[in-house]
C-alpha cells in the first residue's frame, strides 16, 4: 500500500479512469454485437441504423483516448465491411 499522499491519489485517479474506460469499452462492445446481430438476422435497415450508432460510440471512445485512432478506424472498417457484405 502506498504511504505517500501523491501515490495514494494516483491510485484513486487510476481506479476512476479504469472504471470509466471499462464502461465505455463495454458500450462499444454492446453496440458492435447489436450490429452483428442485425447482420445475422439479414435485416439491412436495422444493420445500417445500428452501424451508425456503433460508429458514433467508437468515435466517442477515440476522442476520449480510450481507443487509438488506428484501432477505432479498424473497428469501423470491419463493421462497415460486414454490413456492406449483406448487399
N, C-alpha and C. Protein backbone atom coordinates (compact mmCIF):
# COMPACT_ATOMS: atom_id res chain seq x y z
N UNK A 1 0.86 -1.19 0.00
CA UNK A 1 0.00 0.00 0.00
C UNK A 1 0.89 1.24 0.00
N UNK A 2 0.44 2.25 -0.70
CA UNK A 2 1.21 3.49 -0.82
C UNK A 2 1.19 4.27 0.49
N UNK A 3 2.31 4.90 0.81
CA UNK A 3 2.40 5.72 2.00
C UNK A 3 2.41 7.21 1.67
N UNK A 4 2.84 7.53 0.48
CA UNK A 4 2.97 8.94 0.08
C UNK A 4 1.62 9.43 -0.44
N UNK A 5 1.29 10.67 -0.08
CA UNK A 5 -0.02 11.23 -0.40
C UNK A 5 -0.27 11.25 -1.91
N UNK A 6 0.72 11.64 -2.69
CA UNK A 6 0.54 11.71 -4.15
C UNK A 6 0.35 10.32 -4.75
N UNK A 7 1.00 9.32 -4.17
CA UNK A 7 0.84 7.95 -4.66
C UNK A 7 -0.56 7.44 -4.36
N UNK A 8 -1.10 7.79 -3.19
CA UNK A 8 -2.47 7.41 -2.84
C UNK A 8 -3.45 8.04 -3.82
N UNK A 9 -3.20 9.31 -4.15
CA UNK A 9 -4.09 10.00 -5.08
C UNK A 9 -4.03 9.34 -6.46
N UNK A 10 -2.83 8.98 -6.90
CA UNK A 10 -2.69 8.35 -8.22
C UNK A 10 -3.47 7.03 -8.27
N UNK A 11 -3.47 6.29 -7.16
CA UNK A 11 -4.22 5.04 -7.10
C UNK A 11 -5.71 5.32 -7.29
N UNK A 12 -6.23 6.32 -6.59
CA UNK A 12 -7.65 6.67 -6.71
C UNK A 12 -7.98 7.13 -8.12
N UNK A 13 -7.13 7.97 -8.68
CA UNK A 13 -7.38 8.51 -10.02
C UNK A 13 -7.35 7.38 -11.06
N UNK A 14 -6.39 6.48 -10.93
CA UNK A 14 -6.30 5.39 -11.91
C UNK A 14 -7.50 4.46 -11.80
N UNK A 15 -8.00 4.23 -10.59
CA UNK A 15 -9.19 3.40 -10.42
C UNK A 15 -10.40 4.06 -11.07
N UNK A 16 -10.53 5.36 -10.90
CA UNK A 16 -11.64 6.11 -11.50
C UNK A 16 -11.58 6.04 -13.03
N UNK A 17 -10.39 6.26 -13.57
CA UNK A 17 -10.23 6.23 -15.03
C UNK A 17 -10.44 4.82 -15.58
N UNK A 18 -9.98 3.81 -14.85
CA UNK A 18 -10.16 2.43 -15.28
C UNK A 18 -11.64 2.08 -15.36
N UNK A 19 -12.40 2.52 -14.37
CA UNK A 19 -13.84 2.26 -14.35
C UNK A 19 -14.52 2.95 -15.53
N UNK A 20 -14.15 4.21 -15.78
CA UNK A 20 -14.73 4.96 -16.90
C UNK A 20 -14.41 4.27 -18.23
N UNK A 21 -13.15 3.85 -18.39
CA UNK A 21 -12.74 3.19 -19.63
C UNK A 21 -13.50 1.88 -19.82
N UNK A 22 -13.69 1.15 -18.73
CA UNK A 22 -14.38 -0.13 -18.81
C UNK A 22 -15.83 0.06 -19.26
N UNK A 23 -16.48 1.09 -18.74
CA UNK A 23 -17.87 1.37 -19.11
C UNK A 23 -17.97 1.70 -20.59
N UNK A 24 -17.07 2.53 -21.07
CA UNK A 24 -17.13 2.96 -22.47
C UNK A 24 -16.78 1.80 -23.40
N UNK A 25 -15.77 1.00 -23.05
CA UNK A 25 -15.42 -0.16 -23.87
C UNK A 25 -16.57 -1.15 -23.92
N UNK A 26 -17.25 -1.33 -22.80
CA UNK A 26 -18.38 -2.23 -22.75
C UNK A 26 -19.50 -1.75 -23.66
N UNK A 27 -19.72 -0.45 -23.68
CA UNK A 27 -20.76 0.12 -24.54
C UNK A 27 -20.42 -0.10 -26.01
N UNK A 28 -19.16 0.06 -26.36
CA UNK A 28 -18.72 -0.17 -27.75
C UNK A 28 -18.96 -1.64 -28.12
N UNK A 29 -18.60 -2.55 -27.21
CA UNK A 29 -18.80 -3.97 -27.49
C UNK A 29 -20.28 -4.30 -27.66
N UNK A 30 -21.12 -3.71 -26.83
CA UNK A 30 -22.56 -3.95 -26.92
C UNK A 30 -23.11 -3.49 -28.26
N UNK A 31 -22.73 -2.29 -28.68
CA UNK A 31 -23.20 -1.77 -29.96
C UNK A 31 -22.68 -2.60 -31.12
N UNK A 32 -21.45 -3.09 -31.01
CA UNK A 32 -20.88 -3.95 -32.04
C UNK A 32 -21.68 -5.25 -32.15
N UNK A 33 -22.04 -5.82 -31.01
CA UNK A 33 -22.82 -7.06 -31.01
C UNK A 33 -24.20 -6.83 -31.62
N UNK A 34 -24.78 -5.65 -31.39
CA UNK A 34 -26.08 -5.34 -31.98
C UNK A 34 -25.99 -5.28 -33.50
N UNK A 35 -24.90 -4.72 -34.01
CA UNK A 35 -24.70 -4.67 -35.47
C UNK A 35 -24.58 -6.09 -36.01
N UNK A 36 -23.77 -6.92 -35.37
CA UNK A 36 -23.57 -8.30 -35.81
C UNK A 36 -24.88 -9.08 -35.74
N UNK A 37 -25.66 -8.84 -34.70
CA UNK A 37 -26.96 -9.50 -34.58
C UNK A 37 -27.91 -9.11 -35.70
N UNK A 38 -27.92 -7.83 -36.06
CA UNK A 38 -28.78 -7.37 -37.15
C UNK A 38 -28.33 -7.97 -38.48
N UNK A 39 -27.02 -8.11 -38.66
CA UNK A 39 -26.50 -8.73 -39.89
C UNK A 39 -26.89 -10.20 -39.94
N UNK A 40 -26.81 -10.88 -38.80
CA UNK A 40 -27.14 -12.30 -38.75
C UNK A 40 -28.62 -12.56 -39.04
N UNK A 41 -29.47 -11.59 -38.69
CA UNK A 41 -30.91 -11.74 -38.98
C UNK A 41 -31.25 -11.24 -40.38
N UNK A 42 -30.25 -10.79 -41.13
CA UNK A 42 -30.41 -10.30 -42.50
C UNK A 42 -31.34 -9.10 -42.60
N UNK A 43 -31.33 -8.25 -41.58
CA UNK A 43 -32.15 -7.04 -41.57
C UNK A 43 -31.26 -5.86 -41.97
N UNK A 44 -31.32 -5.48 -43.24
CA UNK A 44 -30.42 -4.45 -43.76
C UNK A 44 -30.67 -3.09 -43.12
N UNK A 45 -31.95 -2.75 -42.93
CA UNK A 45 -32.29 -1.43 -42.37
C UNK A 45 -31.78 -1.32 -40.94
N UNK A 46 -32.05 -2.35 -40.14
CA UNK A 46 -31.61 -2.33 -38.74
C UNK A 46 -30.09 -2.36 -38.65
N UNK A 47 -29.45 -3.12 -39.53
CA UNK A 47 -27.99 -3.20 -39.51
C UNK A 47 -27.37 -1.85 -39.84
N UNK A 48 -27.94 -1.15 -40.82
CA UNK A 48 -27.42 0.16 -41.19
C UNK A 48 -27.62 1.17 -40.06
N UNK A 49 -28.79 1.10 -39.41
CA UNK A 49 -29.06 2.01 -38.30
C UNK A 49 -28.13 1.74 -37.12
N UNK A 50 -27.93 0.46 -36.80
CA UNK A 50 -27.05 0.09 -35.70
C UNK A 50 -25.60 0.43 -36.02
N UNK A 51 -25.24 0.35 -37.29
CA UNK A 51 -23.88 0.69 -37.69
C UNK A 51 -23.57 2.14 -37.35
N UNK A 52 -24.52 3.03 -37.63
CA UNK A 52 -24.32 4.45 -37.31
C UNK A 52 -24.13 4.67 -35.81
N UNK A 53 -24.92 3.97 -35.01
CA UNK A 53 -24.81 4.09 -33.55
C UNK A 53 -23.45 3.57 -33.08
N UNK A 54 -23.04 2.42 -33.63
CA UNK A 54 -21.76 1.82 -33.24
C UNK A 54 -20.60 2.72 -33.63
N UNK A 55 -20.64 3.28 -34.83
CA UNK A 55 -19.57 4.18 -35.28
C UNK A 55 -19.50 5.40 -34.37
N UNK A 56 -20.64 5.90 -33.97
CA UNK A 56 -20.68 7.05 -33.07
C UNK A 56 -20.01 6.73 -31.74
N UNK A 57 -20.32 5.56 -31.18
CA UNK A 57 -19.72 5.15 -29.91
C UNK A 57 -18.22 4.94 -30.04
N UNK A 58 -17.80 4.36 -31.14
CA UNK A 58 -16.36 4.14 -31.36
C UNK A 58 -15.64 5.48 -31.48
N UNK A 59 -16.24 6.43 -32.19
CA UNK A 59 -15.62 7.74 -32.34
C UNK A 59 -15.55 8.49 -31.01
N UNK A 60 -16.57 8.32 -30.17
CA UNK A 60 -16.54 8.95 -28.85
C UNK A 60 -15.41 8.37 -28.01
N UNK A 61 -15.25 7.05 -28.08
CA UNK A 61 -14.18 6.40 -27.32
C UNK A 61 -12.81 6.86 -27.83
N UNK A 62 -12.70 7.04 -29.15
CA UNK A 62 -11.44 7.52 -29.74
C UNK A 62 -11.15 8.94 -29.26
N UNK A 63 -12.17 9.77 -29.22
CA UNK A 63 -12.00 11.17 -28.80
C UNK A 63 -11.56 11.27 -27.33
N UNK A 64 -12.02 10.32 -26.51
CA UNK A 64 -11.66 10.33 -25.10
C UNK A 64 -10.34 9.64 -24.82
N UNK A 65 -9.71 9.11 -25.87
CA UNK A 65 -8.40 8.50 -25.70
C UNK A 65 -8.44 7.06 -25.25
N UNK A 66 -9.59 6.43 -25.32
CA UNK A 66 -9.71 5.05 -24.88
C UNK A 66 -9.23 4.11 -25.98
N UNK A 67 -9.52 4.46 -27.23
CA UNK A 67 -9.02 3.71 -28.37
C UNK A 67 -8.04 4.57 -29.15
N UNK A 68 -6.98 3.94 -29.64
CA UNK A 68 -6.07 4.61 -30.56
C UNK A 68 -6.81 4.84 -31.86
N UNK A 69 -6.42 5.86 -32.61
CA UNK A 69 -7.15 6.21 -33.83
C UNK A 69 -7.15 5.07 -34.84
N UNK A 70 -6.04 4.34 -34.91
CA UNK A 70 -5.99 3.21 -35.86
C UNK A 70 -6.90 2.07 -35.42
N UNK A 71 -6.97 1.84 -34.13
CA UNK A 71 -7.85 0.80 -33.60
C UNK A 71 -9.30 1.14 -33.90
N UNK A 72 -9.66 2.39 -33.68
CA UNK A 72 -11.02 2.83 -33.95
C UNK A 72 -11.34 2.70 -35.44
N UNK A 73 -10.40 3.10 -36.28
CA UNK A 73 -10.61 3.01 -37.72
C UNK A 73 -10.78 1.55 -38.15
N UNK A 74 -9.99 0.66 -37.57
CA UNK A 74 -10.08 -0.76 -37.91
C UNK A 74 -11.45 -1.32 -37.51
N UNK A 75 -11.92 -0.96 -36.33
CA UNK A 75 -13.22 -1.45 -35.88
C UNK A 75 -14.34 -0.95 -36.78
N UNK A 76 -14.28 0.32 -37.14
CA UNK A 76 -15.30 0.90 -38.02
C UNK A 76 -15.25 0.23 -39.39
N UNK A 77 -14.06 0.03 -39.91
CA UNK A 77 -13.93 -0.57 -41.24
C UNK A 77 -14.48 -1.99 -41.26
N UNK A 78 -14.20 -2.75 -40.23
CA UNK A 78 -14.66 -4.14 -40.20
C UNK A 78 -16.18 -4.21 -40.09
N UNK A 79 -16.76 -3.34 -39.26
CA UNK A 79 -18.22 -3.33 -39.13
C UNK A 79 -18.87 -2.88 -40.44
N UNK A 80 -18.31 -1.86 -41.05
CA UNK A 80 -18.85 -1.34 -42.31
C UNK A 80 -18.78 -2.40 -43.39
N UNK A 81 -17.67 -3.10 -43.46
CA UNK A 81 -17.49 -4.17 -44.44
C UNK A 81 -18.52 -5.28 -44.22
N UNK A 82 -18.77 -5.58 -42.96
CA UNK A 82 -19.75 -6.62 -42.62
C UNK A 82 -21.15 -6.23 -43.09
N UNK A 83 -21.52 -4.99 -42.82
CA UNK A 83 -22.86 -4.52 -43.22
C UNK A 83 -22.95 -4.43 -44.75
N UNK A 84 -21.91 -3.95 -45.39
CA UNK A 84 -21.93 -3.82 -46.85
C UNK A 84 -21.94 -5.18 -47.54
N UNK A 85 -21.46 -6.21 -46.87
CA UNK A 85 -21.43 -7.54 -47.49
C UNK A 85 -22.83 -8.13 -47.59
N UNK A 86 -23.79 -7.54 -46.89
CA UNK A 86 -25.18 -8.03 -46.96
C UNK A 86 -25.80 -7.75 -48.32
N UNK A 87 -25.34 -6.69 -48.98
CA UNK A 87 -25.97 -6.26 -50.23
C UNK A 87 -25.50 -7.01 -51.43
